[in-house]
PDB file of N, CA and C in Angstrom:
ATOM      1  N   MET A   1     130.116  46.539 141.905  1.00  0.00           N
ATOM      2  CA  MET A   1     129.536  45.317 141.607  1.00  0.00           C
ATOM      3  C   MET A   1     130.712  43.927 141.203  1.00  0.00           C
ATOM      4  N   ASP A   2     130.203  42.509 141.931  1.00  0.00           N
ATOM      5  CA  ASP A   2     131.071  41.548 141.895  1.00  0.00           C
ATOM      6  C   ASP A   2     131.088  40.922 140.821  1.00  0.00           C
ATOM      7  N   ILE A   3     132.401  40.649 140.331  1.00  0.00           N
ATOM      8  CA  ILE A   3     132.409  39.196 139.559  1.00  0.00           C
ATOM      9  C   ILE A   3     132.622  38.011 140.721  1.00  0.00           C
ATOM     10  N   ILE A   4     131.226  37.678 139.550  1.00  0.00           N
ATOM     11  CA  ILE A   4     131.506  35.988 139.777  1.00  0.00           C
ATOM     12  C   ILE A   4     131.904  34.693 139.552  1.00  0.00           C
ATOM     13  N   LYS A   5     132.726  33.992 140.746  1.00  0.00           N
ATOM     14  CA  LYS A   5     134.187  33.649 139.670  1.00  0.00           C
ATOM     15  C   LYS A   5     133.010  31.715 139.932  1.00  0.00           C
ATOM     16  N   ARG A   6     133.244  30.926 138.705  1.00  0.00           N
ATOM     17  CA  ARG A   6     132.379  29.571 138.405  1.00  0.00           C
ATOM     18  C   ARG A   6     133.247  28.562 138.395  1.00  0.00           C
ATOM     19  N   GLU A   7     133.523  27.987 139.381  1.00  0.00           N
ATOM     20  CA  GLU A   7     134.495  26.620 139.059  1.00  0.00           C
ATOM     21  C   GLU A   7     133.124  25.549 137.995  1.00  0.00           C
ATOM     22  N   THR A   8     134.454  24.465 138.003  1.00  0.00           N
ATOM     23  CA  THR A   8     133.109  23.324 137.041  1.00  0.00           C
ATOM     24  C   THR A   8     133.643  22.414 138.156  1.00  0.00           C
ATOM     25  N   HIS A   9     132.903  21.309 138.107  1.00  0.00           N
ATOM     26  CA  HIS A   9     132.554  20.056 139.380  1.00  0.00           C
ATOM     27  C   HIS A   9     132.737  19.059 138.852  1.00  0.00           C
ATOM     28  N   THR A  10     132.932  18.775 138.450  1.00  0.00           N
ATOM     29  CA  THR A  10     132.680  16.632 137.913  1.00  0.00           C
ATOM     30  C   THR A  10     132.790  15.964 139.188  1.00  0.00           C
ATOM     31  N   ILE A  11     131.752  14.921 139.324  1.00  0.00           N
ATOM     32  CA  ILE A  11     131.440  13.762 139.953  1.00  0.00           C
ATOM     33  C   ILE A  11     130.896  12.970 139.452  1.00  0.00           C
ATOM     34  N   ASP A  12     131.218  11.976 140.046  1.00  0.00           N
ATOM     35  CA  ASP A  12     131.130   9.997 139.442  1.00  0.00           C
ATOM     36  C   ASP A  12     130.058   9.818 139.974  1.00  0.00           C
ATOM     37  N   ALA A  13     128.754   9.564 139.210  1.00  0.00           N
ATOM     38  CA  ALA A  13     128.137   8.900 139.812  1.00  0.00           C
ATOM     39  C   ALA A  13     128.172   7.018 140.586  1.00  0.00           C
ATOM     40  N   THR A  14     129.182   6.367 139.981  1.00  0.00           N
ATOM     41  CA  THR A  14     128.876   5.052 140.063  1.00  0.00           C
ATOM     42  C   THR A  14     128.559   5.193 141.673  1.00  0.00           C
ATOM     43  N   GLY A  15     127.530   3.713 141.982  1.00  0.00           N
ATOM     44  CA  GLY A  15     127.079   2.945 142.959  1.00  0.00           C
ATOM     45  C   GLY A  15     127.317   4.866 143.789  1.00  0.00           C
ATOM     46  N   ARG A  16     126.501   5.436 143.978  1.00  0.00           N
ATOM     47  CA  ARG A  16     126.243   6.767 144.639  1.00  0.00           C
ATOM     48  C   ARG A  16     124.490   6.189 145.358  1.00  0.00           C
ATOM     49  N   PRO A  17     124.153   6.400 146.230  1.00  0.00           N
ATOM     50  CA  PRO A  17     122.221   6.779 145.677  1.00  0.00           C
ATOM     51  C   PRO A  17     122.017   8.467 145.010  1.00  0.00           C
ATOM     52  N   LEU A  18     120.870   8.156 145.068  1.00  0.00           N
ATOM     53  CA  LEU A  18     120.383   9.023 143.740  1.00  0.00           C
ATOM     54  C   LEU A  18     120.268  10.669 144.755  1.00  0.00           C
ATOM     55  N   GLY A  19     119.593  10.107 146.360  1.00  0.00           N
ATOM     56  CA  GLY A  19     119.200  11.263 147.463  1.00  0.00           C
ATOM     57  C   GLY A  19     121.028  11.747 147.883  1.00  0.00           C
ATOM     58  N   ARG A  20     121.225  11.513 147.781  1.00  0.00           N
ATOM     59  CA  ARG A  20     122.596  12.459 148.839  1.00  0.00           C
ATOM     60  C   ARG A  20     123.560  12.641 147.041  1.00  0.00           C
ATOM     61  N   LEU A  21     123.318  11.703 146.300  1.00  0.00           N
ATOM     62  CA  LEU A  21     123.866  12.959 145.323  1.00  0.00           C
ATOM     63  C   LEU A  21     123.181  13.935 144.689  1.00  0.00           C
ATOM     64  N   ALA A  22     122.226  13.915 144.904  1.00  0.00           N
ATOM     65  CA  ALA A  22     121.160  15.051 144.817  1.00  0.00           C
ATOM     66  C   ALA A  22     121.514  16.817 145.228  1.00  0.00           C
ATOM     67  N   THR A  23     121.697  16.080 146.599  1.00  0.00           N
ATOM     68  CA  THR A  23     121.947  16.916 148.076  1.00  0.00           C
ATOM     69  C   THR A  23     123.460  17.415 147.592  1.00  0.00           C
ATOM     70  N   GLN A  24     124.507  16.806 147.280  1.00  0.00           N
ATOM     71  CA  GLN A  24     125.543  17.439 146.614  1.00  0.00           C
ATOM     72  C   GLN A  24     125.654  18.283 145.868  1.00  0.00           C
ATOM     73  N   VAL A  25     124.981  17.029 144.318  1.00  0.00           N
ATOM     74  CA  VAL A  25     124.115  18.865 143.179  1.00  0.00           C
ATOM     75  C   VAL A  25     123.956  19.578 143.603  1.00  0.00           C
ATOM     76  N   ALA A  26     122.817  19.732 144.444  1.00  0.00           N
ATOM     77  CA  ALA A  26     122.351  20.986 144.738  1.00  0.00           C
ATOM     78  C   ALA A  26     122.928  22.310 145.831  1.00  0.00           C
ATOM     79  N   VAL A  27     124.037  21.267 146.656  1.00  0.00           N
ATOM     80  CA  VAL A  27     124.402  22.659 147.054  1.00  0.00           C
ATOM     81  C   VAL A  27     125.831  23.581 146.368  1.00  0.00           C
ATOM     82  N   LEU A  28     126.121  22.233 145.200  1.00  0.00           N
ATOM     83  CA  LEU A  28     126.903  23.354 144.308  1.00  0.00           C
ATOM     84  C   LEU A  28     126.099  24.255 143.484  1.00  0.00           C
ATOM     85  N   LEU A  29     125.113  23.487 142.755  1.00  0.00           N
ATOM     86  CA  LEU A  29     124.836  24.607 142.321  1.00  0.00           C
ATOM     87  C   LEU A  29     124.285  25.848 142.659  1.00  0.00           C
ATOM     88  N   ARG A  30     123.541  26.123 143.834  1.00  0.00           N
ATOM     89  CA  ARG A  30     123.339  27.259 144.545  1.00  0.00           C
ATOM     90  C   ARG A  30     124.688  27.937 145.288  1.00  0.00           C
ATOM     91  N   GLY A  31     126.060  27.061 145.576  1.00  0.00           N
ATOM     92  CA  GLY A  31     127.163  28.513 145.883  1.00  0.00           C
ATOM     93  C   GLY A  31     126.522  28.038 146.398  1.00  0.00           C
ATOM     94  N   LYS A  32     125.925  27.422 148.163  1.00  0.00           N
ATOM     95  CA  LYS A  32     125.856  27.472 149.190  1.00  0.00           C
ATOM     96  C   LYS A  32     127.671  26.812 150.253  1.00  0.00           C
ATOM     97  N   SER A  33     128.472  26.351 149.718  1.00  0.00           N
ATOM     98  CA  SER A  33     129.419  26.400 149.830  1.00  0.00           C
ATOM     99  C   SER A  33     130.631  27.649 150.171  1.00  0.00           C
ATOM    100  N   LYS A  34     129.918  28.786 149.770  1.00  0.00           N
ATOM    101  CA  LYS A  34     130.966  29.774 149.075  1.00  0.00           C
ATOM    102  C   LYS A  34     130.875  30.832 150.025  1.00  0.00           C
ATOM    103  N   PRO A  35     132.356  30.986 150.748  1.00  0.00           N
ATOM    104  CA  PRO A  35     131.634  32.350 151.820  1.00  0.00           C
ATOM    105  C   PRO A  35     130.825  33.877 151.434  1.00  0.00           C
ATOM    106  N   SER A  36     130.703  33.965 149.610  1.00  0.00           N
ATOM    107  CA  SER A  36     129.634  35.001 149.136  1.00  0.00           C
ATOM    108  C   SER A  36     128.662  34.602 148.805  1.00  0.00           C
ATOM    109  N   PHE A  37     127.562  33.489 149.831  1.00  0.00           N
ATOM    110  CA  PHE A  37     126.848  32.926 149.004  1.00  0.00           C
ATOM    111  C   PHE A  37     126.179  33.636 150.330  1.00  0.00           C
ATOM    112  N   VAL A  38     124.285  34.000 149.514  1.00  0.00           N
ATOM    113  CA  VAL A  38     123.524  35.340 149.681  1.00  0.00           C
ATOM    114  C   VAL A  38     122.000  34.462 149.214  1.00  0.00           C
ATOM    115  N   PRO A  39     121.024  34.453 150.037  1.00  0.00           N
ATOM    116  CA  PRO A  39     120.098  33.971 149.254  1.00  0.00           C
ATOM    117  C   PRO A  39     119.426  34.232 147.991  1.00  0.00           C
ATOM    118  N   TYR A  40     119.636  35.952 148.127  1.00  0.00           N
ATOM    119  CA  TYR A  40     119.293  36.276 146.813  1.00  0.00           C
ATOM    120  C   TYR A  40     119.772  36.545 145.907  1.00  0.00           C
ATOM    121  N   LYS A  41     121.544  35.983 145.510  1.00  0.00           N
ATOM    122  CA  LYS A  41     122.428  35.647 144.374  1.00  0.00           C
ATOM    123  C   LYS A  41     122.703  34.459 143.496  1.00  0.00           C
ATOM    124  N   ASP A  42     122.579  34.482 142.225  1.00  0.00           N
ATOM    125  CA  ASP A  42     123.038  33.547 141.629  1.00  0.00           C
ATOM    126  C   ASP A  42     124.696  32.930 141.910  1.00  0.00           C
ATOM    127  N   VAL A  43     125.391  32.644 142.602  1.00  0.00           N
ATOM    128  CA  VAL A  43     126.342  32.680 142.469  1.00  0.00           C
ATOM    129  C   VAL A  43     127.240  31.023 142.596  1.00  0.00           C
ATOM    130  N   GLY A  44     126.681  30.229 141.806  1.00  0.00           N
ATOM    131  CA  GLY A  44     126.949  28.527 142.513  1.00  0.00           C
ATOM    132  C   GLY A  44     127.824  28.509 141.114  1.00  0.00           C
ATOM    133  N   ASP A  45     128.174  27.197 140.724  1.00  0.00           N
ATOM    134  CA  ASP A  45     129.155  26.659 139.957  1.00  0.00           C
ATOM    135  C   ASP A  45     128.054  25.482 139.219  1.00  0.00           C
ATOM    136  N   PHE A  46     129.530  25.066 137.996  1.00  0.00           N
ATOM    137  CA  PHE A  46     128.862  24.398 137.120  1.00  0.00           C
ATOM    138  C   PHE A  46     129.283  23.288 137.708  1.00  0.00           C
ATOM    139  N   VAL A  47     128.203  22.269 137.491  1.00  0.00           N
ATOM    140  CA  VAL A  47     128.345  20.153 137.948  1.00  0.00           C
ATOM    141  C   VAL A  47     128.244  20.259 136.788  1.00  0.00           C
ATOM    142  N   ILE A  48     129.263  18.755 136.414  1.00  0.00           N
ATOM    143  CA  ILE A  48     129.630  17.588 135.261  1.00  0.00           C
ATOM    144  C   ILE A  48     129.132  15.698 136.347  1.00  0.00           C
ATOM    145  N   ILE A  49     127.784  15.532 135.466  1.00  0.00           N
ATOM    146  CA  ILE A  49     127.609  14.481 136.227  1.00  0.00           C
ATOM    147  C   ILE A  49     128.261  13.698 134.787  1.00  0.00           C
ATOM    148  N   THR A  50     128.743  12.479 135.848  1.00  0.00           N
ATOM    149  CA  THR A  50     128.937  11.270 134.141  1.00  0.00           C
ATOM    150  C   THR A  50     128.698   9.977 135.355  1.00  0.00           C
ATOM    151  N   ASN A  51     128.608   9.322 134.588  1.00  0.00           N
ATOM    152  CA  ASN A  51     128.264   7.587 134.324  1.00  0.00           C
ATOM    153  C   ASN A  51     126.777   7.867 135.184  1.00  0.00           C
ATOM    154  N   VAL A  52     125.797   8.454 134.954  1.00  0.00           N
ATOM    155  CA  VAL A  52     124.398   8.348 135.670  1.00  0.00           C
ATOM    156  C   VAL A  52     123.237   7.527 135.453  1.00  0.00           C
ATOM    157  N   GLU A  53     123.846   6.597 134.440  1.00  0.00           N
ATOM    158  CA  GLU A  53     123.199   5.148 134.503  1.00  0.00           C
ATOM    159  C   GLU A  53     123.930   3.963 135.567  1.00  0.00           C
ATOM    160  N   LYS A  54     124.931   5.182 136.025  1.00  0.00           N
ATOM    161  CA  LYS A  54     124.891   3.184 137.752  1.00  0.00           C
ATOM    162  C   LYS A  54     125.087   4.274 138.523  1.00  0.00           C
ATOM    163  N   VAL A  55     123.399   5.053 138.867  1.00  0.00           N
ATOM    164  CA  VAL A  55     123.698   5.440 140.330  1.00  0.00           C
ATOM    165  C   VAL A  55     123.080   5.189 141.020  1.00  0.00           C
ATOM    166  N   LYS A  56     123.055   4.030 141.888  1.00  0.00           N
ATOM    167  CA  LYS A  56     122.068   3.438 143.195  1.00  0.00           C
ATOM    168  C   LYS A  56     121.283   4.386 144.040  1.00  0.00           C
ATOM    169  N   PHE A  57     120.363   3.108 143.289  1.00  0.00           N
ATOM    170  CA  PHE A  57     118.513   3.560 144.483  1.00  0.00           C
ATOM    171  C   PHE A  57     117.954   2.207 144.984  1.00  0.00           C
ATOM    172  N   THR A  58     117.945   2.437 146.686  1.00  0.00           N
ATOM    173  CA  THR A  58     117.601   2.748 147.572  1.00  0.00           C
ATOM    174  C   THR A  58     116.452   2.255 148.348  1.00  0.00           C
ATOM    175  N   GLY A  59     115.688   1.165 148.535  1.00  0.00           N
ATOM    176  CA  GLY A  59     114.551   0.577 148.654  1.00  0.00           C
ATOM    177  C   GLY A  59     113.572   0.012 147.446  1.00  0.00           C
ATOM    178  N   LYS A  60     112.238   0.254 147.559  1.00  0.00           N
ATOM    179  CA  LYS A  60     111.388  -0.176 146.677  1.00  0.00           C
ATOM    180  C   LYS A  60     111.571   0.581 146.146  1.00  0.00           C
ATOM    181  N   LYS A  61     112.336   1.950 146.105  1.00  0.00           N
ATOM    182  CA  LYS A  61     111.417   3.291 145.308  1.00  0.00           C
ATOM    183  C   LYS A  61     111.435   3.602 143.199  1.00  0.00           C
ATOM    184  N   PHE A  62     112.347   1.739 143.553  1.00  0.00           N
ATOM    185  CA  PHE A  62     112.384   2.462 141.712  1.00  0.00           C
ATOM    186  C   PHE A  62     111.258   1.550 140.997  1.00  0.00           C
ATOM    187  N   ASP A  63     110.666   0.864 141.804  1.00  0.00           N
ATOM    188  CA  ASP A  63     109.270  -0.168 141.229  1.00  0.00           C
ATOM    189  C   ASP A  63     108.678   1.017 141.796  1.00  0.00           C
ATOM    190  N   ASP A  64     108.606   1.657 143.010  1.00  0.00           N
ATOM    191  CA  ASP A  64     106.953   1.816 143.729  1.00  0.00           C
ATOM    192  C   ASP A  64     107.269   3.887 143.433  1.00  0.00           C
ATOM    193  N   LYS A  65     107.722   4.539 142.729  1.00  0.00           N
ATOM    194  CA  LYS A  65     108.211   6.551 143.401  1.00  0.00           C
ATOM    195  C   LYS A  65     107.612   6.509 141.917  1.00  0.00           C
ATOM    196  N   ILE A  66     105.920   7.324 141.639  1.00  0.00           N
ATOM    197  CA  ILE A  66     105.410   8.329 141.198  1.00  0.00           C
ATOM    198  C   ILE A  66     106.002   8.816 140.796  1.00  0.00           C
ATOM    199  N   TYR A  67     106.034   8.933 139.433  1.00  0.00           N
ATOM    200  CA  TYR A  67     106.098  11.557 139.005  1.00  0.00           C
ATOM    201  C   TYR A  67     104.915  11.189 139.021  1.00  0.00           C
ATOM    202  N   TYR A  68     104.180  12.617 139.211  1.00  0.00           N
ATOM    203  CA  TYR A  68     103.256  12.706 138.496  1.00  0.00           C
ATOM    204  C   TYR A  68     102.991  14.396 137.461  1.00  0.00           C
ATOM    205  N   ARG A  69     102.049  14.565 136.344  1.00  0.00           N
ATOM    206  CA  ARG A  69     101.921  15.839 136.411  1.00  0.00           C
ATOM    207  C   ARG A  69     100.663  16.164 135.816  1.00  0.00           C
ATOM    208  N   HIS A  70     100.559  17.653 135.073  1.00  0.00           N
ATOM    209  CA  HIS A  70      99.291  17.350 135.291  1.00  0.00           C
ATOM    210  C   HIS A  70      99.285  18.844 133.515  1.00  0.00           C
ATOM    211  N   THR A  71      98.353  18.026 132.856  1.00  0.00           N
ATOM    212  CA  THR A  71      98.175  18.526 131.035  1.00  0.00           C
ATOM    213  C   THR A  71      97.311  19.955 130.891  1.00  0.00           C
ATOM    214  N   GLY A  72      96.598  20.615 131.741  1.00  0.00           N
ATOM    215  CA  GLY A  72      95.674  21.383 131.886  1.00  0.00           C
ATOM    216  C   GLY A  72      94.504  20.969 131.741  1.00  0.00           C
ATOM    217  N   TYR A  73      94.444  19.864 131.570  1.00  0.00           N
ATOM    218  CA  TYR A  73      92.860  19.576 130.641  1.00  0.00           C
ATOM    219  C   TYR A  73      92.348  18.600 132.243  1.00  0.00           C
ATOM    220  N   LEU A  74      90.679  18.450 131.715  1.00  0.00           N
ATOM    221  CA  LEU A  74      89.763  18.358 133.151  1.00  0.00           C
ATOM    222  C   LEU A  74      91.085  16.583 132.542  1.00  0.00           C
ATOM    223  N   GLY A  75      90.224  16.028 133.763  1.00  0.00           N
ATOM    224  CA  GLY A  75      91.134  14.654 133.903  1.00  0.00           C
ATOM    225  C   GLY A  75      92.307  13.957 133.161  1.00  0.00           C
ATOM    226  N   GLY A  76      93.162  15.162 133.232  1.00  0.00           N
ATOM    227  CA  GLY A  76      94.582  14.832 132.758  1.00  0.00           C
ATOM    228  C   GLY A  76      95.503  14.865 133.390  1.00  0.00           C
ATOM    229  N   LEU A  77      95.428  14.336 134.013  1.00  0.00           N
ATOM    230  CA  LEU A  77      96.750  13.924 135.406  1.00  0.00           C
ATOM    231  C   LEU A  77      97.392  12.547 134.745  1.00  0.00           C
ATOM    232  N   LYS A  78      98.139  12.792 134.634  1.00  0.00           N
ATOM    233  CA  LYS A  78      99.390  11.944 133.974  1.00  0.00           C
ATOM    234  C   LYS A  78     100.084  11.513 135.116  1.00  0.00           C
ATOM    235  N   GLN A  79     100.935   9.684 134.885  1.00  0.00           N
ATOM    236  CA  GLN A  79     101.258   9.462 135.679  1.00  0.00           C
ATOM    237  C   GLN A  79     102.599   8.337 135.456  1.00  0.00           C
ATOM    238  N   ARG A  80     103.856   7.787 135.511  1.00  0.00           N
ATOM    239  CA  ARG A  80     104.804   7.438 135.093  1.00  0.00           C
ATOM    240  C   ARG A  80     105.683   6.866 136.643  1.00  0.00           C
ATOM    241  N   THR A  81     105.716   6.103 135.779  1.00  0.00           N
ATOM    242  CA  THR A  81     107.211   5.467 137.582  1.00  0.00           C
ATOM    243  C   THR A  81     109.120   5.687 137.267  1.00  0.00           C
ATOM    244  N   MET A  82     109.434   5.335 138.050  1.00  0.00           N
ATOM    245  CA  MET A  82     110.865   5.660 138.200  1.00  0.00           C
ATOM    246  C   MET A  82     111.312   5.211 137.711  1.00  0.00           C
ATOM    247  N   LYS A  83     110.700   3.221 137.238  1.00  0.00           N
ATOM    248  CA  LYS A  83     111.331   3.106 136.749  1.00  0.00           C
ATOM    249  C   LYS A  83     111.437   2.821 134.964  1.00  0.00           C
ATOM    250  N   GLU A  84     110.138   3.363 134.339  1.00  0.00           N
ATOM    251  CA  GLU A  84     109.448   4.029 133.072  1.00  0.00           C
ATOM    252  C   GLU A  84     110.409   5.059 132.655  1.00  0.00           C
ATOM    253  N   LEU A  85     110.873   5.864 133.966  1.00  0.00           N
ATOM    254  CA  LEU A  85     111.980   7.589 133.778  1.00  0.00           C
ATOM    255  C   LEU A  85     113.540   6.816 132.902  1.00  0.00           C
ATOM    256  N   TYR A  86     113.262   6.105 133.753  1.00  0.00           N
ATOM    257  CA  TYR A  86     114.644   5.817 133.690  1.00  0.00           C
ATOM    258  C   TYR A  86     115.109   4.735 132.463  1.00  0.00           C
ATOM    259  N   THR A  87     114.192   3.940 131.997  1.00  0.00           N
ATOM    260  CA  THR A  87     114.432   3.530 131.056  1.00  0.00           C
ATOM    261  C   THR A  87     114.687   3.575 129.827  1.00  0.00           C
ATOM    262  N   LYS A  88     113.431   5.539 129.517  1.00  0.00           N
ATOM    263  CA  LYS A  88     113.876   6.075 128.458  1.00  0.00           C
ATOM    264  C   LYS A  88     114.910   7.253 128.322  1.00  0.00           C
ATOM    265  N   ALA A  89     115.147   8.123 130.193  1.00  0.00           N
ATOM    266  CA  ALA A  89     116.639   8.797 130.053  1.00  0.00           C
ATOM    267  C   ALA A  89     117.001   8.964 131.587  1.00  0.00           C
ATOM    268  N   PRO A  90     117.834   8.120 131.920  1.00  0.00           N
ATOM    269  CA  PRO A  90     118.798   8.156 133.386  1.00  0.00           C
ATOM    270  C   PRO A  90     119.307   9.297 133.465  1.00  0.00           C
ATOM    271  N   SER A  91     119.122  10.206 132.942  1.00  0.00           N
ATOM    272  CA  SER A  91     119.955  11.382 133.651  1.00  0.00           C
ATOM    273  C   SER A  91     118.266  12.264 134.013  1.00  0.00           C
ATOM    274  N   GLU A  92     117.313  12.491 133.354  1.00  0.00           N
ATOM    275  CA  GLU A  92     115.814  12.958 133.703  1.00  0.00           C
ATOM    276  C   GLU A  92     115.761  12.928 135.591  1.00  0.00           C
ATOM    277  N   VAL A  93     115.913  11.390 135.938  1.00  0.00           N
ATOM    278  CA  VAL A  93     115.109  11.504 137.199  1.00  0.00           C
ATOM    279  C   VAL A  93     116.306  11.553 138.313  1.00  0.00           C
ATOM    280  N   LEU A  94     117.699  12.113 138.044  1.00  0.00           N
ATOM    281  CA  LEU A  94     119.058  12.720 139.009  1.00  0.00           C
ATOM    282  C   LEU A  94     117.955  14.457 138.635  1.00  0.00           C
ATOM    283  N   ARG A  95     118.250  14.447 137.695  1.00  0.00           N
ATOM    284  CA  ARG A  95     117.510  15.819 136.905  1.00  0.00           C
ATOM    285  C   ARG A  95     115.924  16.271 137.832  1.00  0.00           C
ATOM    286  N   LYS A  96     115.360  15.946 137.971  1.00  0.00           N
ATOM    287  CA  LYS A  96     113.716  15.967 139.496  1.00  0.00           C
ATOM    288  C   LYS A  96     114.169  16.098 140.243  1.00  0.00           C
ATOM    289  N   ALA A  97     115.722  15.155 140.725  1.00  0.00           N
ATOM    290  CA  ALA A  97     115.539  14.898 142.373  1.00  0.00           C
ATOM    291  C   ALA A  97     116.388  16.452 142.634  1.00  0.00           C
ATOM    292  N   VAL A  98     116.935  16.992 141.591  1.00  0.00           N
ATOM    293  CA  VAL A  98     117.647  18.366 142.008  1.00  0.00           C
ATOM    294  C   VAL A  98     116.588  19.346 141.851  1.00  0.00           C
ATOM    295  N   MET A  99     116.214  19.015 140.470  1.00  0.00           N
ATOM    296  CA  MET A  99     115.469  20.554 141.083  1.00  0.00           C
ATOM    297  C   MET A  99     113.838  20.978 141.952  1.00  0.00           C
ATOM    298  N   GLY A 100     113.878  19.148 142.979  1.00  0.00           N
ATOM    299  CA  GLY A 100     112.652  19.137 144.303  1.00  0.00           C
ATOM    300  C   GLY A 100     114.058  20.130 145.151  1.00  0.00           C
ATOM    301  N   MET A 101     115.265  20.118 144.741  1.00  0.00           N
ATOM    302  CA  MET A 101     115.864  20.395 146.059  1.00  0.00           C
ATOM    303  C   MET A 101     116.511  21.742 145.964  1.00  0.00           C
ATOM    304  N   LEU A 102     115.943  22.010 144.734  1.00  0.00           N
ATOM    305  CA  LEU A 102     116.614  23.555 144.758  1.00  0.00           C
ATOM    306  C   LEU A 102     115.181  24.679 144.825  1.00  0.00           C
ATOM    307  N   THR A 103     115.603  25.989 145.136  1.00  0.00           N
ATOM    308  CA  THR A 103     114.155  27.306 145.686  1.00  0.00           C
ATOM    309  C   THR A 103     113.877  26.875 144.850  1.00  0.00           C
ATOM    310  N   LYS A 104     112.333  27.446 144.495  1.00  0.00           N
ATOM    311  CA  LYS A 104     111.013  27.545 143.854  1.00  0.00           C
ATOM    312  C   LYS A 104     110.933  29.116 143.202  1.00  0.00           C
ATOM    313  N   ASN A 105     112.565  29.642 142.974  1.00  0.00           N
ATOM    314  CA  ASN A 105     111.881  30.547 143.176  1.00  0.00           C
ATOM    315  C   ASN A 105     112.221  31.598 141.515  1.00  0.00           C
ATOM    316  N   LYS A 106     113.050  32.420 140.900  1.00  0.00           N
ATOM    317  CA  LYS A 106     113.581  33.193 140.120  1.00  0.00           C
ATOM    318  C   LYS A 106     115.143  32.582 139.375  1.00  0.00           C
ATOM    319  N   LEU A 107     115.666  32.059 140.669  1.00  0.00           N
ATOM    320  CA  LEU A 107     116.767  31.745 139.845  1.00  0.00           C
ATOM    321  C   LEU A 107     117.413  30.357 139.764  1.00  0.00           C
ATOM    322  N   ARG A 108     115.617  29.415 140.094  1.00  0.00           N
ATOM    323  CA  ARG A 108     115.715  28.000 139.658  1.00  0.00           C
ATOM    324  C   ARG A 108     116.477  27.288 138.214  1.00  0.00           C
ATOM    325  N   PRO A 109     115.323  28.363 137.362  1.00  0.00           N
ATOM    326  CA  PRO A 109     115.794  27.558 135.729  1.00  0.00           C
ATOM    327  C   PRO A 109     117.231  28.480 135.622  1.00  0.00           C
ATOM    328  N   ARG A 110     118.146  29.525 136.488  1.00  0.00           N
ATOM    329  CA  ARG A 110     119.244  29.988 135.957  1.00  0.00           C
ATOM    330  C   ARG A 110     120.525  29.040 136.545  1.00  0.00           C
ATOM    331  N   GLN A 111     119.680  27.989 137.976  1.00  0.00           N
ATOM    332  CA  GLN A 111     121.107  26.976 138.457  1.00  0.00           C
ATOM    333  C   GLN A 111     121.011  26.040 137.720  1.00  0.00           C
ATOM    334  N   ILE A 112     119.667  25.034 137.276  1.00  0.00           N
ATOM    335  CA  ILE A 112     119.360  24.267 136.694  1.00  0.00           C
ATOM    336  C   ILE A 112     120.113  23.928 135.392  1.00  0.00           C
ATOM    337  N   LYS A 113     120.217  25.182 134.643  1.00  0.00           N
ATOM    338  CA  LYS A 113     121.470  25.270 133.579  1.00  0.00           C
ATOM    339  C   LYS A 113     122.404  24.804 133.172  1.00  0.00           C
ATOM    340  N   ARG A 114     123.157  24.791 134.769  1.00  0.00           N
ATOM    341  CA  ARG A 114     124.783  24.690 135.119  1.00  0.00           C
ATOM    342  C   ARG A 114     124.552  23.315 135.500  1.00  0.00           C
ATOM    343  N   LEU A 115     123.590  22.481 135.104  1.00  0.00           N
ATOM    344  CA  LEU A 115     123.598  21.279 134.994  1.00  0.00           C
ATOM    345  C   LEU A 115     123.784  20.460 134.200  1.00  0.00           C
ATOM    346  N   LYS A 116     125.168  19.467 133.815  1.00  0.00           N
ATOM    347  CA  LYS A 116     125.056  18.587 132.409  1.00  0.00           C
ATOM    348  C   LYS A 116     125.484  17.919 132.884  1.00  0.00           C
ATOM    349  N   PHE A 117     125.024  16.373 131.692  1.00  0.00           N
ATOM    350  CA  PHE A 117     125.729  15.214 132.107  1.00  0.00           C
ATOM    351  C   PHE A 117     126.362  15.025 130.541  1.00  0.00           C
ATOM    352  N   GLU A 118     127.791  13.891 131.253  1.00  0.00           N
ATOM    353  CA  GLU A 118     128.359  12.873 130.174  1.00  0.00           C
ATOM    354  C   GLU A 118     127.902  11.474 130.346  1.00  0.00           C
ATOM    355  N   LYS A 119     127.957  10.443 129.048  1.00  0.00           N
ATOM    356  CA  LYS A 119     128.106   9.453 129.799  1.00  0.00           C
ATOM    357  C   LYS A 119     129.391   8.722 129.997  1.00  0.00           C
TER     358      LYS A 119
END
């Protein structure tokens, strides 16, 4: 059995576009840059994001992008804009962007746990 060596990457989000930052974080969390990468193993690294409140939003998506969720009840479709979500928790906007870029399988919850945010 191979021992997985995980490194810790610290990324400063000041002035970086949201999508490009999320792409870089997703690659590090999955471990795609490692030579030992295989799609069915969790070989990714830890990622710490600093200054997430200074991330840059391009275009009009800060006002126009809408996140949907459903409560499970009839007529229970809830929506909130990126601006509303960002005012409550700036890190949640980046977390949702990274979650959408990770694979939708059993590895995703373990990979997203290695994403941390600092002030």
